[in-house]
Amino acid sequence: MNETSREELQSQLEDFVKNYSENIKNEEKLAELFGHLADGYEGFDAPTKSFIKRALDRIAVALGLKPFTEGDVVDMLNTVAGKLAAG
């Protein structure tokens, strides 16, 4: 599997955001963003995976939760994407 660099991820995310019109709900954007992260996570390079995990851990700690294990990251991304999409 090809590794995705942080630069490639940033470019993909910027392209993703540019393709949405102003009247799309932010929740829909966020759900799709989490879906993209979950779908591509296994192909990301180690620094990018570490960056994503650290960001998620900061959110978890801020909410009073324990940090995620490496195996929990994709499950959590998929769960959040599904919950946001469902409303």
PDB file of N, CA and C in Angstrom:
ATOM      1  N   MET A   1       0.839  -1.166   0.000  1.00  0.00           N
ATOM      2  CA  MET A   1       0.000   0.000   0.000  1.00  0.00           C
ATOM      3  C   MET A   1       0.890   1.238   0.000  1.00  0.00           C
ATOM      4  N   ASN A   2       0.550   2.199  -0.832  1.00  0.00           N
ATOM      5  CA  ASN A   2       1.325   3.436  -0.888  1.00  0.00           C
ATOM      6  C   ASN A   2       1.147   4.241   0.386  1.00  0.00           C
ATOM      7  N   GLU A   3       2.237   4.833   0.849  1.00  0.00           N
ATOM      8  CA  GLU A   3       2.146   5.706   2.002  1.00  0.00           C
ATOM      9  C   GLU A   3       1.795   7.110   1.524  1.00  0.00           C
ATOM     10  N   THR A   4       0.923   7.756   2.257  1.00  0.00           N
ATOM     11  CA  THR A   4       0.506   9.104   1.931  1.00  0.00           C
ATOM     12  C   THR A   4       1.247  10.071   2.841  1.00  0.00           C
ATOM     13  N   SER A   5       1.862  11.070   2.256  1.00  0.00           N
ATOM     14  CA  SER A   5       2.607  12.049   3.046  1.00  0.00           C
ATOM     15  C   SER A   5       1.657  13.097   3.614  1.00  0.00           C
ATOM     16  N   ARG A   6       2.167  13.841   4.576  1.00  0.00           N
ATOM     17  CA  ARG A   6       1.372  14.927   5.146  1.00  0.00           C
ATOM     18  C   ARG A   6       1.020  15.949   4.080  1.00  0.00           C
ATOM     19  N   GLU A   7       1.929  16.206   3.164  1.00  0.00           N
ATOM     20  CA  GLU A   7       1.669  17.171   2.099  1.00  0.00           C
ATOM     21  C   GLU A   7       0.533  16.684   1.197  1.00  0.00           C
ATOM     22  N   GLU A   8       0.559  15.400   0.864  1.00  0.00           N
ATOM     23  CA  GLU A   8      -0.507  14.839   0.041  1.00  0.00           C
ATOM     24  C   GLU A   8      -1.843  14.896   0.767  1.00  0.00           C
ATOM     25  N   LEU A   9      -1.831  14.561   2.061  1.00  0.00           N
ATOM     26  CA  LEU A   9      -3.056  14.612   2.856  1.00  0.00           C
ATOM     27  C   LEU A   9      -3.586  16.033   2.910  1.00  0.00           C
ATOM     28  N   GLN A  10      -2.704  17.002   3.148  1.00  0.00           N
ATOM     29  CA  GLN A  10      -3.123  18.392   3.205  1.00  0.00           C
ATOM     30  C   GLN A  10      -3.732  18.811   1.878  1.00  0.00           C
ATOM     31  N   SER A  11      -3.110  18.436   0.787  1.00  0.00           N
ATOM     32  CA  SER A  11      -3.618  18.780  -0.534  1.00  0.00           C
ATOM     33  C   SER A  11      -4.991  18.155  -0.771  1.00  0.00           C
ATOM     34  N   GLN A  12      -5.149  16.884  -0.392  1.00  0.00           N
ATOM     35  CA  GLN A  12      -6.437  16.202  -0.552  1.00  0.00           C
ATOM     36  C   GLN A  12      -7.518  16.877   0.278  1.00  0.00           C
ATOM     37  N   LEU A  13      -7.183  17.238   1.512  1.00  0.00           N
ATOM     38  CA  LEU A  13      -8.168  17.875   2.380  1.00  0.00           C
ATOM     39  C   LEU A  13      -8.528  19.272   1.878  1.00  0.00           C
ATOM     40  N   GLU A  14      -7.542  20.012   1.374  1.00  0.00           N
ATOM     41  CA  GLU A  14      -7.823  21.338   0.819  1.00  0.00           C
ATOM     42  C   GLU A  14      -8.719  21.224  -0.411  1.00  0.00           C
ATOM     43  N   ASP A  15      -8.450  20.256  -1.283  1.00  0.00           N
ATOM     44  CA  ASP A  15      -9.295  20.035  -2.459  1.00  0.00           C
ATOM     45  C   ASP A  15     -10.706  19.666  -2.042  1.00  0.00           C
ATOM     46  N   PHE A  16     -10.809  18.833  -1.010  1.00  0.00           N
ATOM     47  CA  PHE A  16     -12.107  18.407  -0.493  1.00  0.00           C
ATOM     48  C   PHE A  16     -12.922  19.626  -0.041  1.00  0.00           C
ATOM     49  N   VAL A  17     -12.305  20.496   0.731  1.00  0.00           N
ATOM     50  CA  VAL A  17     -12.994  21.661   1.269  1.00  0.00           C
ATOM     51  C   VAL A  17     -13.390  22.631   0.150  1.00  0.00           C
ATOM     52  N   LYS A  18     -12.520  22.811  -0.837  1.00  0.00           N
ATOM     53  CA  LYS A  18     -12.805  23.732  -1.943  1.00  0.00           C
ATOM     54  C   LYS A  18     -14.001  23.283  -2.771  1.00  0.00           C
ATOM     55  N   ASN A  19     -14.301  21.993  -2.789  1.00  0.00           N
ATOM     56  CA  ASN A  19     -15.369  21.463  -3.627  1.00  0.00           C
ATOM     57  C   ASN A  19     -16.758  21.574  -3.004  1.00  0.00           C
ATOM     58  N   TYR A  20     -16.864  22.193  -1.848  1.00  0.00           N
ATOM     59  CA  TYR A  20     -18.154  22.361  -1.198  1.00  0.00           C
ATOM     60  C   TYR A  20     -18.642  23.791  -1.335  1.00  0.00           C
ATOM     61  N   SER A  21     -19.917  23.930  -1.612  1.00  0.00           N
ATOM     62  CA  SER A  21     -20.493  25.272  -1.695  1.00  0.00           C
ATOM     63  C   SER A  21     -20.801  25.788  -0.298  1.00  0.00           C
ATOM     64  N   GLU A  22     -21.067  27.060  -0.193  1.00  0.00           N
ATOM     65  CA  GLU A  22     -21.307  27.711   1.093  1.00  0.00           C
ATOM     66  C   GLU A  22     -22.533  27.151   1.815  1.00  0.00           C
ATOM     67  N   ASN A  23     -23.516  26.646   1.109  1.00  0.00           N
ATOM     68  CA  ASN A  23     -24.760  26.248   1.767  1.00  0.00           C
ATOM     69  C   ASN A  23     -24.791  24.791   2.234  1.00  0.00           C
ATOM     70  N   ILE A  24     -23.686  24.074   2.155  1.00  0.00           N
ATOM     71  CA  ILE A  24     -23.622  22.720   2.691  1.00  0.00           C
ATOM     72  C   ILE A  24     -23.376  22.825   4.188  1.00  0.00           C
ATOM     73  N   LYS A  25     -24.089  22.024   4.962  1.00  0.00           N
ATOM     74  CA  LYS A  25     -23.947  22.079   6.412  1.00  0.00           C
ATOM     75  C   LYS A  25     -22.547  21.661   6.848  1.00  0.00           C
ATOM     76  N   ASN A  26     -22.053  22.331   7.869  1.00  0.00           N
ATOM     77  CA  ASN A  26     -20.736  22.004   8.400  1.00  0.00           C
ATOM     78  C   ASN A  26     -20.660  20.572   8.899  1.00  0.00           C
ATOM     79  N   GLU A  27     -21.745  20.040   9.459  1.00  0.00           N
ATOM     80  CA  GLU A  27     -21.742  18.667   9.948  1.00  0.00           C
ATOM     81  C   GLU A  27     -21.477  17.676   8.820  1.00  0.00           C
ATOM     82  N   GLU A  28     -22.026  17.965   7.650  1.00  0.00           N
ATOM     83  CA  GLU A  28     -21.810  17.094   6.501  1.00  0.00           C
ATOM     84  C   GLU A  28     -20.352  17.132   6.066  1.00  0.00           C
ATOM     85  N   LYS A  29     -19.765  18.307   6.072  1.00  0.00           N
ATOM     86  CA  LYS A  29     -18.353  18.436   5.719  1.00  0.00           C
ATOM     87  C   LYS A  29     -17.494  17.666   6.706  1.00  0.00           C
ATOM     88  N   LEU A  30     -17.792  17.845   7.989  1.00  0.00           N
ATOM     89  CA  LEU A  30     -17.016  17.187   9.026  1.00  0.00           C
ATOM     90  C   LEU A  30     -17.158  15.666   8.936  1.00  0.00           C
ATOM     91  N   ALA A  31     -18.376  15.186   8.681  1.00  0.00           N
ATOM     92  CA  ALA A  31     -18.591  13.745   8.542  1.00  0.00           C
ATOM     93  C   ALA A  31     -17.782  13.184   7.385  1.00  0.00           C
ATOM     94  N   GLU A  32     -17.785  13.893   6.257  1.00  0.00           N
ATOM     95  CA  GLU A  32     -17.035  13.401   5.106  1.00  0.00           C
ATOM     96  C   GLU A  32     -15.529  13.480   5.351  1.00  0.00           C
ATOM     97  N   LEU A  33     -15.094  14.525   6.048  1.00  0.00           N
ATOM     98  CA  LEU A  33     -13.686  14.645   6.390  1.00  0.00           C
ATOM     99  C   LEU A  33     -13.238  13.459   7.243  1.00  0.00           C
ATOM    100  N   PHE A  34     -14.009  13.130   8.294  1.00  0.00           N
ATOM    101  CA  PHE A  34     -13.665  11.987   9.127  1.00  0.00           C
ATOM    102  C   PHE A  34     -13.700  10.695   8.317  1.00  0.00           C
ATOM    103  N   GLY A  35     -14.633  10.596   7.380  1.00  0.00           N
ATOM    104  CA  GLY A  35     -14.686   9.420   6.509  1.00  0.00           C
ATOM    105  C   GLY A  35     -13.439   9.292   5.650  1.00  0.00           C
ATOM    106  N   HIS A  36     -12.968  10.415   5.095  1.00  0.00           N
ATOM    107  CA  HIS A  36     -11.737  10.400   4.298  1.00  0.00           C
ATOM    108  C   HIS A  36     -10.541   9.978   5.151  1.00  0.00           C
ATOM    109  N   LEU A  37     -10.467  10.513   6.355  1.00  0.00           N
ATOM    110  CA  LEU A  37      -9.361  10.144   7.247  1.00  0.00           C
ATOM    111  C   LEU A  37      -9.407   8.660   7.583  1.00  0.00           C
ATOM    112  N   ALA A  38     -10.601   8.142   7.864  1.00  0.00           N
ATOM    113  CA  ALA A  38     -10.734   6.720   8.196  1.00  0.00           C
ATOM    114  C   ALA A  38     -10.372   5.837   7.006  1.00  0.00           C
ATOM    115  N   ASP A  39     -10.869   6.202   5.820  1.00  0.00           N
ATOM    116  CA  ASP A  39     -10.599   5.395   4.624  1.00  0.00           C
ATOM    117  C   ASP A  39      -9.118   5.371   4.258  1.00  0.00           C
ATOM    118  N   GLY A  40      -8.437   6.483   4.443  1.00  0.00           N
ATOM    119  CA  GLY A  40      -7.044   6.562   4.034  1.00  0.00           C
ATOM    120  C   GLY A  40      -6.038   6.269   5.118  1.00  0.00           C
ATOM    121  N   TYR A  41      -6.499   6.087   6.353  1.00  0.00           N
ATOM    122  CA  TYR A  41      -5.589   6.007   7.498  1.00  0.00           C
ATOM    123  C   TYR A  41      -4.499   4.952   7.323  1.00  0.00           C
ATOM    124  N   GLU A  42      -4.854   3.770   6.889  1.00  0.00           N
ATOM    125  CA  GLU A  42      -3.869   2.687   6.773  1.00  0.00           C
ATOM    126  C   GLU A  42      -2.794   2.995   5.734  1.00  0.00           C
ATOM    127  N   GLY A  43      -3.099   3.837   4.760  1.00  0.00           N
ATOM    128  CA  GLY A  43      -2.126   4.181   3.730  1.00  0.00           C
ATOM    129  C   GLY A  43      -1.270   5.393   4.059  1.00  0.00           C
ATOM    130  N   PHE A  44      -1.589   6.078   5.153  1.00  0.00           N
ATOM    131  CA  PHE A  44      -0.804   7.250   5.535  1.00  0.00           C
ATOM    132  C   PHE A  44       0.554   6.829   6.061  1.00  0.00           C
ATOM    133  N   ASP A  45       1.536   7.702   5.892  1.00  0.00           N
ATOM    134  CA  ASP A  45       2.856   7.420   6.456  1.00  0.00           C
ATOM    135  C   ASP A  45       2.808   7.574   7.979  1.00  0.00           C
ATOM    136  N   ALA A  46       3.840   7.085   8.655  1.00  0.00           N
ATOM    137  CA  ALA A  46       3.861   7.073  10.125  1.00  0.00           C
ATOM    138  C   ALA A  46       3.717   8.461  10.739  1.00  0.00           C
ATOM    139  N   PRO A  47       4.407   9.496  10.231  1.00  0.00           N
ATOM    140  CA  PRO A  47       4.223  10.821  10.835  1.00  0.00           C
ATOM    141  C   PRO A  47       2.788  11.350  10.713  1.00  0.00           C
ATOM    142  N   THR A  48       2.133  11.058   9.593  1.00  0.00           N
ATOM    143  CA  THR A  48       0.755  11.512   9.407  1.00  0.00           C
ATOM    144  C   THR A  48      -0.178  10.772  10.355  1.00  0.00           C
ATOM    145  N   LYS A  49       0.014   9.458  10.491  1.00  0.00           N
ATOM    146  CA  LYS A  49      -0.795   8.693  11.445  1.00  0.00           C
ATOM    147  C   LYS A  49      -0.600   9.225  12.857  1.00  0.00           C
ATOM    148  N   SER A  50       0.638   9.523  13.197  1.00  0.00           N
ATOM    149  CA  SER A  50       0.942  10.050  14.525  1.00  0.00           C
ATOM    150  C   SER A  50       0.264  11.402  14.740  1.00  0.00           C
ATOM    151  N   PHE A  51       0.279  12.250  13.736  1.00  0.00           N
ATOM    152  CA  PHE A  51      -0.367  13.556  13.820  1.00  0.00           C
ATOM    153  C   PHE A  51      -1.868  13.399  14.065  1.00  0.00           C
ATOM    154  N   ILE A  52      -2.511  12.513  13.309  1.00  0.00           N
ATOM    155  CA  ILE A  52      -3.951  12.284  13.457  1.00  0.00           C
ATOM    156  C   ILE A  52      -4.258  11.744  14.849  1.00  0.00           C
ATOM    157  N   LYS A  53      -3.473  10.766  15.299  1.00  0.00           N
ATOM    158  CA  LYS A  53      -3.699  10.178  16.617  1.00  0.00           C
ATOM    159  C   LYS A  53      -3.523  11.216  17.720  1.00  0.00           C
ATOM    160  N   ARG A  54      -2.489  12.039  17.627  1.00  0.00           N
ATOM    161  CA  ARG A  54      -2.269  13.082  18.642  1.00  0.00           C
ATOM    162  C   ARG A  54      -3.436  14.067  18.680  1.00  0.00           C
ATOM    163  N   ALA A  55      -3.939  14.438  17.514  1.00  0.00           N
ATOM    164  CA  ALA A  55      -5.077  15.361  17.457  1.00  0.00           C
ATOM    165  C   ALA A  55      -6.302  14.737  18.114  1.00  0.00           C
ATOM    166  N   LEU A  56      -6.551  13.464  17.818  1.00  0.00           N
ATOM    167  CA  LEU A  56      -7.691  12.774  18.421  1.00  0.00           C
ATOM    168  C   LEU A  56      -7.507  12.591  19.919  1.00  0.00           C
ATOM    169  N   ASP A  57      -6.279  12.314  20.338  1.00  0.00           N
ATOM    170  CA  ASP A  57      -5.996  12.171  21.772  1.00  0.00           C
ATOM    171  C   ASP A  57      -6.249  13.481  22.516  1.00  0.00           C
ATOM    172  N   ARG A  58      -5.900  14.604  21.906  1.00  0.00           N
ATOM    173  CA  ARG A  58      -6.156  15.908  22.541  1.00  0.00           C
ATOM    174  C   ARG A  58      -7.653  16.126  22.736  1.00  0.00           C
ATOM    175  N   ILE A  59      -8.426  15.747  21.733  1.00  0.00           N
ATOM    176  CA  ILE A  59      -9.883  15.879  21.844  1.00  0.00           C
ATOM    177  C   ILE A  59     -10.406  14.962  22.951  1.00  0.00           C
ATOM    178  N   ALA A  60      -9.918  13.728  22.968  1.00  0.00           N
ATOM    179  CA  ALA A  60     -10.363  12.771  23.987  1.00  0.00           C
ATOM    180  C   ALA A  60     -10.052  13.284  25.387  1.00  0.00           C
ATOM    181  N   VAL A  61      -8.835  13.742  25.606  1.00  0.00           N
ATOM    182  CA  VAL A  61      -8.437  14.236  26.926  1.00  0.00           C
ATOM    183  C   VAL A  61      -9.279  15.455  27.311  1.00  0.00           C
ATOM    184  N   ALA A  62      -9.549  16.347  26.356  1.00  0.00           N
ATOM    185  CA  ALA A  62     -10.366  17.523  26.630  1.00  0.00           C
ATOM    186  C   ALA A  62     -11.779  17.138  27.045  1.00  0.00           C
ATOM    187  N   LEU A  63     -12.244  15.991  26.553  1.00  0.00           N
ATOM    188  CA  LEU A  63     -13.580  15.498  26.902  1.00  0.00           C
ATOM    189  C   LEU A  63     -13.562  14.575  28.118  1.00  0.00           C
ATOM    190  N   GLY A  64     -12.387  14.419  28.719  1.00  0.00           N
ATOM    191  CA  GLY A  64     -12.274  13.568  29.903  1.00  0.00           C
ATOM    192  C   GLY A  64     -12.186  12.090  29.601  1.00  0.00           C
ATOM    193  N   LEU A  65     -11.799  11.752  28.368  1.00  0.00           N
ATOM    194  CA  LEU A  65     -11.668  10.356  27.958  1.00  0.00           C
ATOM    195  C   LEU A  65     -10.199   9.970  27.938  1.00  0.00           C
ATOM    196  N   LYS A  66      -9.954   8.666  27.902  1.00  0.00           N
ATOM    197  CA  LYS A  66      -8.577   8.204  27.812  1.00  0.00           C
ATOM    198  C   LYS A  66      -8.100   8.303  26.362  1.00  0.00           C
ATOM    199  N   PRO A  67      -6.802   8.455  26.161  1.00  0.00           N
ATOM    200  CA  PRO A  67      -6.268   8.498  24.794  1.00  0.00           C
ATOM    201  C   PRO A  67      -6.574   7.197  24.044  1.00  0.00           C
ATOM    202  N   PHE A  68      -6.613   7.303  22.737  1.00  0.00           N
ATOM    203  CA  PHE A  68      -6.925   6.160  21.886  1.00  0.00           C
ATOM    204  C   PHE A  68      -5.718   5.258  21.693  1.00  0.00           C
ATOM    205  N   THR A  69      -5.987   3.964  21.548  1.00  0.00           N
ATOM    206  CA  THR A  69      -4.926   3.049  21.120  1.00  0.00           C
ATOM    207  C   THR A  69      -4.830   3.169  19.605  1.00  0.00           C
ATOM    208  N   GLU A  70      -3.744   2.705  19.047  1.00  0.00           N
ATOM    209  CA  GLU A  70      -3.573   2.756  17.593  1.00  0.00           C
ATOM    210  C   GLU A  70      -4.735   2.056  16.889  1.00  0.00           C
ATOM    211  N   GLY A  71      -5.176   0.936  17.440  1.00  0.00           N
ATOM    212  CA  GLY A  71      -6.283   0.183  16.834  1.00  0.00           C
ATOM    213  C   GLY A  71      -7.626   0.878  16.932  1.00  0.00           C
ATOM    214  N   ASP A  72      -7.781   1.778  17.886  1.00  0.00           N
ATOM    215  CA  ASP A  72      -9.049   2.487  18.072  1.00  0.00           C
ATOM    216  C   ASP A  72      -9.242   3.630  17.096  1.00  0.00           C
ATOM    217  N   VAL A  73      -8.175   4.118  16.502  1.00  0.00           N
ATOM    218  CA  VAL A  73      -8.244   5.338  15.707  1.00  0.00           C
ATOM    219  C   VAL A  73      -9.209   5.204  14.537  1.00  0.00           C
ATOM    220  N   VAL A  74      -9.071   4.184  13.714  1.00  0.00           N
ATOM    221  CA  VAL A  74      -9.933   4.024  12.537  1.00  0.00           C
ATOM    222  C   VAL A  74     -11.372   3.796  12.977  1.00  0.00           C
ATOM    223  N   ASP A  75     -11.573   2.973  14.012  1.00  0.00           N
ATOM    224  CA  ASP A  75     -12.932   2.736  14.513  1.00  0.00           C
ATOM    225  C   ASP A  75     -13.581   4.042  14.960  1.00  0.00           C
ATOM    226  N   MET A  76     -12.820   4.865  15.679  1.00  0.00           N
ATOM    227  CA  MET A  76     -13.354   6.126  16.155  1.00  0.00           C
ATOM    228  C   MET A  76     -13.669   7.066  14.993  1.00  0.00           C
ATOM    229  N   LEU A  77     -12.779   7.141  14.017  1.00  0.00           N
ATOM    230  CA  LEU A  77     -13.022   8.002  12.852  1.00  0.00           C
ATOM    231  C   LEU A  77     -14.291   7.575  12.116  1.00  0.00           C
ATOM    232  N   ASN A  78     -14.466   6.267  11.918  1.00  0.00           N
ATOM    233  CA  ASN A  78     -15.662   5.760  11.255  1.00  0.00           C
ATOM    234  C   ASN A  78     -16.917   6.035  12.082  1.00  0.00           C
ATOM    235  N   THR A  79     -16.834   5.862  13.386  1.00  0.00           N
ATOM    236  CA  THR A  79     -17.968   6.088  14.258  1.00  0.00           C
ATOM    237  C   THR A  79     -18.393   7.553  14.217  1.00  0.00           C
ATOM    238  N   VAL A  80     -17.421   8.444  14.347  1.00  0.00           N
ATOM    239  CA  VAL A  80     -17.739   9.872  14.317  1.00  0.00           C
ATOM    240  C   VAL A  80     -18.327  10.269  12.966  1.00  0.00           C
ATOM    241  N   ALA A  81     -17.752   9.768  11.894  1.00  0.00           N
ATOM    242  CA  ALA A  81     -18.277  10.079  10.558  1.00  0.00           C
ATOM    243  C   ALA A  81     -19.714   9.620  10.433  1.00  0.00           C
ATOM    244  N   GLY A  82     -20.010   8.417  10.899  1.00  0.00           N
ATOM    245  CA  GLY A  82     -21.376   7.894  10.829  1.00  0.00           C
ATOM    246  C   GLY A  82     -22.347   8.674  11.686  1.00  0.00           C
ATOM    247  N   LYS A  83     -21.934   9.023  12.889  1.00  0.00           N
ATOM    248  CA  LYS A  83     -22.807   9.772  13.797  1.00  0.00           C
ATOM    249  C   LYS A  83     -23.091  11.173  13.253  1.00  0.00           C
ATOM    250  N   LEU A  84     -22.067  11.829  12.728  1.00  0.00           N
ATOM    251  CA  LEU A  84     -22.267  13.157  12.176  1.00  0.00           C
ATOM    252  C   LEU A  84     -23.160  13.121  10.937  1.00  0.00           C
ATOM    253  N   ALA A  85     -22.978  12.097  10.112  1.00  0.00           N
ATOM    254  CA  ALA A  85     -23.786  11.973   8.905  1.00  0.00           C
ATOM    255  C   ALA A  85     -25.255  11.723   9.244  1.00  0.00           C
ATOM    256  N   ALA A  86     -25.475  10.945  10.315  1.00  0.00           N
ATOM    257  CA  ALA A  86     -26.836  10.620  10.726  1.00  0.00           C
ATOM    258  C   ALA A  86     -27.532  11.813  11.401  1.00  0.00           C
ATOM    259  N   GLY A  87     -26.726  12.755  11.852  1.00  0.00           N
ATOM    260  CA  GLY A  87     -27.283  13.942  12.505  1.00  0.00           C
ATOM    261  C   GLY A  87     -27.355  13.728  13.941  1.00  0.00           C
TER     262      GLY A  87
END
